[in-house]
N, C-alpha and C. Protein backbone atom coordinates (compact mmCIF):
# COMPACT_ATOMS: atom_id res chain seq x y z
N MET A 1 1.02 -1.11 -0.25
CA MET A 1 -0.11 -0.01 -0.10
C MET A 1 0.92 1.00 -0.07
N ALA A 2 0.67 2.18 -0.66
CA ALA A 2 1.27 3.33 -0.87
C ALA A 2 1.11 4.38 0.32
N GLU A 3 1.75 5.06 0.84
CA GLU A 3 1.53 6.11 1.74
C GLU A 3 0.70 7.25 1.20
N ALA A 4 0.83 7.35 -0.13
CA ALA A 4 0.01 8.74 -0.75
C ALA A 4 -1.75 8.11 -0.53
N CYS A 5 -2.10 6.68 -0.67
CA CYS A 5 -3.17 6.38 -0.33
C CYS A 5 -3.89 6.64 1.08
N ARG A 6 -5.02 7.01 0.86
CA ARG A 6 -5.76 7.27 2.34
C ARG A 6 -6.91 6.53 2.49
N LEU A 7 -7.25 6.32 3.62
CA LEU A 7 -8.62 5.50 4.24
C LEU A 7 -9.69 6.28 4.12
N ARG A 8 -10.87 5.79 3.92
CA ARG A 8 -12.20 6.23 3.58
C ARG A 8 -13.13 5.07 3.89
N LEU A 9 -14.40 5.47 4.35
CA LEU A 9 -15.53 4.64 4.49
C LEU A 9 -15.85 4.40 3.09
N GLU A 10 -16.25 2.81 2.80
CA GLU A 10 -16.91 2.64 1.73
C GLU A 10 -18.44 2.55 2.03
N ASN A 11 -19.26 2.59 1.07
CA ASN A 11 -20.68 2.42 0.70
C ASN A 11 -21.57 2.67 2.36
N GLN A 12 -21.18 4.08 2.83
CA GLN A 12 -21.62 4.73 3.89
C GLN A 12 -23.14 4.27 4.34
N ASP A 13 -24.11 4.25 3.25
CA ASP A 13 -25.31 4.05 3.20
C ASP A 13 -25.72 2.58 3.46
N ARG A 14 -24.76 1.63 3.07
CA ARG A 14 -25.00 0.39 3.18
C ARG A 14 -24.81 -0.16 4.89
N PHE A 15 -23.95 0.43 5.71
CA PHE A 15 -23.65 -0.03 6.74
C PHE A 15 -24.03 1.06 7.99
N ASP A 16 -24.28 0.11 9.21
CA ASP A 16 -24.43 0.68 10.05
C ASP A 16 -24.06 -0.11 11.29
N TRP A 17 -23.19 0.61 12.09
CA TRP A 17 -22.37 0.22 13.17
C TRP A 17 -22.51 0.96 14.68
N ARG A 18 -22.31 0.18 15.70
CA ARG A 18 -22.42 0.52 16.99
C ARG A 18 -21.41 0.02 17.85
N HIS A 19 -21.23 0.66 18.87
CA HIS A 19 -20.14 0.08 19.72
C HIS A 19 -20.88 -0.70 21.02
N TRP A 20 -20.49 -2.15 21.22
CA TRP A 20 -21.28 -2.49 22.47
C TRP A 20 -20.03 -3.43 23.16
N ASP A 21 -20.13 -3.04 24.50
CA ASP A 21 -19.02 -3.78 25.49
C ASP A 21 -17.75 -3.57 24.83
N GLY A 22 -17.02 -2.69 24.40
CA GLY A 22 -15.72 -2.69 23.94
C GLY A 22 -15.59 -3.51 22.62
N GLU A 23 -16.53 -3.72 21.98
CA GLU A 23 -16.72 -4.32 20.58
C GLU A 23 -17.34 -3.68 19.41
N LEU A 24 -17.25 -3.91 18.19
CA LEU A 24 -17.94 -3.00 17.31
C LEU A 24 -18.82 -4.01 16.73
N ILE A 25 -20.36 -3.55 16.47
CA ILE A 25 -21.16 -4.72 15.82
C ILE A 25 -21.65 -3.90 14.48
N PHE A 26 -21.68 -4.58 13.68
CA PHE A 26 -22.01 -3.61 12.31
C PHE A 26 -23.17 -4.49 11.62
N PHE A 27 -24.02 -3.85 11.06
CA PHE A 27 -25.40 -4.15 10.23
C PHE A 27 -24.67 -3.93 8.76
N ASP A 28 -25.10 -5.02 8.03
CA ASP A 28 -24.77 -4.75 6.70
C ASP A 28 -26.19 -5.12 5.97
N GLY A 29 -26.55 -3.79 5.50
CA GLY A 29 -28.00 -3.24 4.99
C GLY A 29 -28.59 -4.27 3.62
N GLU A 30 -27.26 -4.39 2.88
CA GLU A 30 -27.32 -5.27 1.70
C GLU A 30 -27.63 -6.58 1.77
N SER A 31 -27.07 -7.19 2.71
CA SER A 31 -26.87 -8.70 2.98
C SER A 31 -27.73 -9.05 4.02
N GLY A 32 -27.90 -8.04 5.08
CA GLY A 32 -28.65 -8.82 5.91
C GLY A 32 -28.11 -8.79 7.63
N GLU A 33 -26.71 -9.16 7.11
CA GLU A 33 -25.84 -9.94 7.95
C GLU A 33 -25.19 -8.99 9.16
N THR A 34 -25.37 -9.18 10.34
CA THR A 34 -25.02 -8.63 11.81
C THR A 34 -23.48 -9.05 11.82
N ARG A 35 -22.26 -8.49 12.24
CA ARG A 35 -21.28 -9.03 12.38
C ARG A 35 -20.53 -8.41 13.56
N LEU A 36 -19.64 -9.15 14.47
CA LEU A 36 -19.05 -8.44 15.36
C LEU A 36 -17.68 -8.46 15.36
N LEU A 37 -16.88 -7.11 15.51
CA LEU A 37 -15.59 -7.06 15.29
C LEU A 37 -15.07 -6.77 16.81
N SER A 38 -13.70 -7.36 17.29
CA SER A 38 -13.32 -6.77 18.16
C SER A 38 -12.02 -6.35 18.00
N GLY A 39 -11.27 -5.93 19.25
CA GLY A 39 -9.67 -5.05 19.09
C GLY A 39 -10.15 -3.85 18.73
N TRP A 40 -9.21 -3.18 17.97
CA TRP A 40 -8.89 -2.07 17.60
C TRP A 40 -9.76 -1.33 16.48
N ALA A 41 -10.74 -2.49 15.80
CA ALA A 41 -11.45 -1.91 14.80
C ALA A 41 -12.63 -0.93 15.26
N GLY A 42 -12.84 -0.75 16.37
CA GLY A 42 -13.89 0.06 16.58
C GLY A 42 -13.16 1.68 16.34
N ALA A 43 -11.96 1.74 17.14
CA ALA A 43 -11.24 3.09 17.11
C ALA A 43 -10.81 3.23 15.80
N VAL A 44 -10.43 2.25 15.11
CA VAL A 44 -9.95 2.63 13.53
C VAL A 44 -11.08 3.15 12.63
N LEU A 45 -12.44 2.46 13.00
CA LEU A 45 -13.38 2.99 12.07
C LEU A 45 -13.65 4.04 12.53
N ASP A 46 -13.73 4.65 13.76
CA ASP A 46 -14.36 5.93 14.18
C ASP A 46 -13.50 6.99 13.50
N LEU A 47 -12.19 6.99 13.99
CA LEU A 47 -11.33 7.60 13.36
C LEU A 47 -11.33 8.11 12.12
N ILE A 48 -11.15 6.78 11.14
CA ILE A 48 -11.65 7.07 9.59
C ILE A 48 -12.99 7.94 9.23
N ALA A 49 -14.22 7.53 10.06
CA ALA A 49 -15.32 8.24 9.73
C ALA A 49 -14.90 9.89 9.98
N GLU A 50 -14.46 10.00 11.28
CA GLU A 50 -14.28 11.33 11.70
C GLU A 50 -13.21 12.15 10.76
N ARG A 51 -12.36 11.71 10.29
CA ARG A 51 -11.30 12.43 9.67
C ARG A 51 -11.06 11.93 8.29
N GLN A 52 -12.01 11.32 7.53
CA GLN A 52 -11.83 10.62 6.22
C GLN A 52 -11.65 11.82 5.25
N PRO A 53 -10.53 11.62 4.55
CA PRO A 53 -9.41 10.43 4.18
C PRO A 53 -8.43 10.89 4.87
N ILE A 54 -8.08 9.63 5.62
CA ILE A 54 -6.78 9.76 6.59
C ILE A 54 -5.85 8.94 6.08
N GLY A 55 -4.72 9.13 5.86
CA GLY A 55 -3.57 8.19 5.73
C GLY A 55 -3.17 7.20 6.94
N ILE A 56 -2.62 6.39 6.52
CA ILE A 56 -2.46 5.30 7.68
C ILE A 56 -1.32 5.45 8.61
N GLU A 57 -0.47 6.49 8.39
CA GLU A 57 0.60 6.87 9.17
C GLU A 57 -0.18 7.84 10.10
N ALA A 58 -0.99 8.45 9.78
CA ALA A 58 -1.78 9.72 10.33
C ALA A 58 -2.44 8.77 11.70
N LEU A 59 -3.29 7.92 10.80
CA LEU A 59 -4.09 6.93 11.59
C LEU A 59 -3.49 6.27 12.89
N GLU A 60 -2.34 5.91 12.12
CA GLU A 60 -1.71 4.95 13.59
C GLU A 60 -0.88 5.98 14.78
N ASN A 61 -0.50 7.11 14.14
CA ASN A 61 -0.23 7.86 15.22
C ASN A 61 -0.98 8.64 16.17
N GLU A 62 -2.22 8.94 15.76
CA GLU A 62 -3.38 9.43 16.54
C GLU A 62 -3.90 8.40 17.38
N LEU A 63 -3.76 7.13 16.89
CA LEU A 63 -4.52 6.22 17.66
C LEU A 63 -3.43 5.95 18.90
N THR A 64 -1.84 5.51 18.60
CA THR A 64 -1.14 5.10 19.39
C THR A 64 -0.68 6.44 20.39
N ALA A 65 -0.88 7.41 20.07
CA ALA A 65 -0.61 8.89 20.89
C ALA A 65 -1.66 8.54 22.04
N ALA A 66 -2.96 8.25 21.58
CA ALA A 66 -3.93 8.21 22.34
C ALA A 66 -3.74 7.30 23.58
N THR A 67 -2.91 6.16 23.27
CA THR A 67 -2.71 5.02 24.37
C THR A 67 -1.57 5.47 25.35
N ASP A 68 -0.86 6.54 24.96
CA ASP A 68 0.32 6.73 25.56
C ASP A 68 1.55 5.93 25.40
N ALA A 69 1.51 5.34 24.02
CA ALA A 69 2.58 4.14 23.50
C ALA A 69 3.01 4.88 22.36
N ALA A 70 3.36 5.83 21.92
CA ALA A 70 3.85 6.47 20.57
C ALA A 70 4.39 5.82 19.92
N ASP A 71 5.41 4.89 20.38
CA ASP A 71 6.55 4.18 19.77
C ASP A 71 6.27 2.58 19.61
N ASP A 72 5.09 2.02 20.22
CA ASP A 72 4.83 0.57 20.20
C ASP A 72 4.56 0.18 19.18
N THR A 73 5.39 -0.60 18.45
CA THR A 73 5.23 -1.16 17.42
C THR A 73 4.27 -2.38 17.34
N GLY A 74 3.97 -2.87 18.69
CA GLY A 74 2.74 -3.60 18.63
C GLY A 74 1.23 -3.31 18.22
N HIS A 75 1.11 -1.93 18.74
CA HIS A 75 0.10 -0.95 18.42
C HIS A 75 -0.34 -0.65 17.28
N ARG A 76 1.04 -0.35 16.19
CA ARG A 76 0.97 -0.06 14.88
C ARG A 76 0.42 -1.31 14.35
N GLU A 77 0.86 -2.67 14.47
CA GLU A 77 0.68 -3.78 14.11
C GLU A 77 -0.79 -4.17 14.32
N ARG A 78 -1.10 -3.90 15.26
CA ARG A 78 -2.61 -4.24 15.54
C ARG A 78 -3.55 -3.57 14.91
N ILE A 79 -3.44 -2.19 14.71
CA ILE A 79 -4.04 -1.20 13.90
C ILE A 79 -4.13 -1.63 12.33
N ARG A 80 -2.79 -2.16 11.91
CA ARG A 80 -2.96 -2.42 10.53
C ARG A 80 -3.73 -3.59 10.18
N GLU A 81 -3.52 -4.79 11.27
CA GLU A 81 -4.29 -6.08 11.24
C GLU A 81 -5.91 -5.46 11.12
N ALA A 82 -6.46 -4.41 12.00
CA ALA A 82 -7.47 -3.75 12.17
C ALA A 82 -8.05 -3.31 10.71
N VAL A 83 -7.38 -2.45 10.08
CA VAL A 83 -7.47 -1.80 8.83
C VAL A 83 -7.66 -2.94 7.76
N ASP A 84 -6.80 -4.08 7.99
CA ASP A 84 -7.24 -4.99 7.03
C ASP A 84 -8.46 -5.77 7.13
N MET A 85 -9.03 -5.79 8.17
CA MET A 85 -10.24 -6.55 8.55
C MET A 85 -11.33 -5.57 8.18
N LEU A 86 -11.31 -4.37 8.40
CA LEU A 86 -12.30 -3.59 8.01
C LEU A 86 -12.42 -3.44 6.56
N ARG A 87 -11.26 -3.37 6.07
CA ARG A 87 -11.46 -3.56 4.39
C ARG A 87 -11.99 -4.86 3.77
N ASP A 88 -11.58 -5.92 4.59
CA ASP A 88 -12.03 -7.08 4.16
C ASP A 88 -13.67 -7.42 4.24
N ASN A 89 -14.00 -6.87 5.34
CA ASN A 89 -15.44 -6.92 5.44
C ASN A 89 -16.17 -5.45 4.51
N GLY A 90 -15.48 -4.78 3.80
CA GLY A 90 -16.13 -3.80 2.82
C GLY A 90 -16.28 -2.53 3.48
N LEU A 91 -15.83 -2.21 4.85
CA LEU A 91 -16.42 -0.89 5.50
C LEU A 91 -15.43 0.03 5.12
N ILE A 92 -14.14 -0.32 4.76
CA ILE A 92 -13.24 0.71 4.39
C ILE A 92 -12.62 0.46 3.06
N GLY A 93 -12.14 1.50 2.25
CA GLY A 93 -11.34 1.26 1.32
C GLY A 93 -10.26 2.72 0.95
N TYR A 94 -9.56 2.46 0.34
CA TYR A 94 -8.54 3.37 -0.30
C TYR A 94 -9.28 4.36 -1.16
N THR A 95 -8.62 5.45 -1.20
CA THR A 95 -8.44 6.61 -2.20
C THR A 95 -7.58 7.42 -2.50
N ALA A 96 -7.23 7.76 -3.62
CA ALA A 96 -5.97 8.58 -3.91
C ALA A 96 -6.15 10.02 -3.23
N LYS A 97 -4.74 10.51 -3.27
CA LYS A 97 -4.66 11.54 -1.98
C LYS A 97 -5.42 12.49 -2.29
């Protein structure tokens, strides 16, 4: 993935999501499926929704700074895993600069 790409929400009218007990539940209006995502997914999705389009580096910096672990490689890896999961589920995608 090139750093020039930025993350944005996909199909905003298709999905609805809520946070529940530390996890993210989203409903796909097209398929009628409800899915549960845990970990960093909720924080990643919220920040993308608030600041879209946002670069992956800016996303990682903001979220790791919020945890008081700005240089924690583990946090960055988990954030990237959450990005991949959200992309795989069609909730987010990339856009050019």
